Amino acid sequence: ISISNIKATIGPTVTLYEIIPDAGVRISKIKNLEDDIALSLAALGIRIIAPIPGRGTIGIEVPNSNPDIVSMRALIASDKFNNSEAALPIAIGKTISNETYVFDLAKMPHLLMAGATGQGKSVGLNAMLISLLYRKHPSQLKFVLVDPKKVELTLFNHIERHYLAKLPDSEDPIITDTSKVVETLNSLCIEMDQRYDLLKEAQCRNIAEYNKKFIRRRLNPEEGHRYLPYIVLVVDEFADLIMTAGKEVEMPIARLAQLARAIGIHLIIATQRPSVNIITGTIKANFPARIAFRVTSKIDSRTILDSGGAEQLIGRGDMLLSTGNELIRIQCGFVDTPEVEEICEFIGSQQGYSNAFMLPEYTPEGGSESGHISDEERDDMFADAARVIVMHQQGSTSLLQRKLKVGYNRAGRIIDQLEDAGIIGPFEGSKARKVLVPDEMSLEQMLQKGDT
């Protein structure tokens, strides 16, 4: 087969040879030579791109005999990353032409990562989190970290008071327990609904417009308006959650994937193989951006990217990023465990907030106990709690926690008892419960009746 031109570009892991075939040469002829070229070069994993989109050439990717490690420091120090105007910039690695690849998670808007065990998924997750930590202030960004393995994301414990979000009653900021995962996801759905209500009142279409308005003092904090940080939900080993919790996890994830992008909640989900029984078509449709690390077969590659190619990757952080309309080969930045630990400890040693960012409390449907609670079973602080609720005309667990200095579980039980006594109304999803007693005098009469 005769060609008219050839050009080589040396990248960190592969060298790309761009060839222009002579007039009349069929592309399919070159495509069929994949195995022959691999044999001639004694190389592993030759990949032919025919044609390269937008260039009018045919690409042959040949792995380098001594691949370079892409350091995280080089990516973070690059001008492209530092000058990026993206809302959530992530420097993930270097392309074939040795350029730093930076993408905006806010525009993705969610990301699905998959690949066989030991091919670099967890390192890729760490690289993304470190990128965001380097560019965003704690007031602008919060992470919800879900780690069923219990060991992958534990290093981020140090930044609890700066960057992490958690449920009011949870002690550990990184979620490892399946039941807590279900509560957290439903809590994020409540946060999403509350944020949409705020956007509706402020007449804004997305979080960027809303925050601009808030900074310009066009919104009144006394009416419930607040600065909204971006929330990034990171789920490692998603398959394990589906196997243990199933539909309870699937429903809120589907809701967040469909609706949450406009109000600044973005998902990064990592799993080994996103087959239909793990990630349903509904969820997958809302993840146009996908990252595939090396997999064993073409079928697995199609499952992740909807096209082949991932089975010919070399491994060790070599990956394909699909943004919906193009497929880019990238060598992922390598960030070692001691590096992550050092960064997190440094952030943790800085002055932070008094606590992690609190997500709204979630009470499962039918969470309040049915049946009358006798006076003997009532909490010692029942009367004080009732006075606080009636005085503020707001029936919420968090109010009792603040005013009475009690834990979440105890405050939840008192709320159930107040509902049973007819002082507050039933649970109404994300809204605060209605207070049924108009003033403190009526309350005192009720309490006296109860005592006699």
Foldseek 3Di string as FASTA:
>chain_A
DAFDDWDWAAAQWKIKIWTHRDPPDDPVVVVVCQVVVCVVVVFFQWDWAPVAPPPNTIIIITTDPDGHAFALVCLLPDPCLVVDPALQKAQFFAFRNRHTDIDHCLVLVAEEEAAAPQQQPLQSVLSSVVSRVSPDWLVAAAEQAEELVVPSCQLLQLCFQRHYEAAQFDDRRHHRDLVRLLQVLLLVVLVQVVLVVVCVVVVHFALVVLQVCVVVVVDDVVVVDDRQHAYEYEHEAQQVSCVVPNPSNQVSLLVCLVRVSRYRYYYYYYHHACDCSRHNPSNVVSRQKYKYAAYCDQVSVCRGNVGGRSPSFDGNQFIWIGSNPDITTGRTHGDDPVNSNVVSNVSSVDDGHPGGHHGAGDAPVVNQDDDADAPVRADPCLLVVLQQCQVVQWADLVSCCVPVVDHSVVSVNSSSNCCNLVQWDDDDRSGTTGGPDNHVVSVVVSVVVSVD
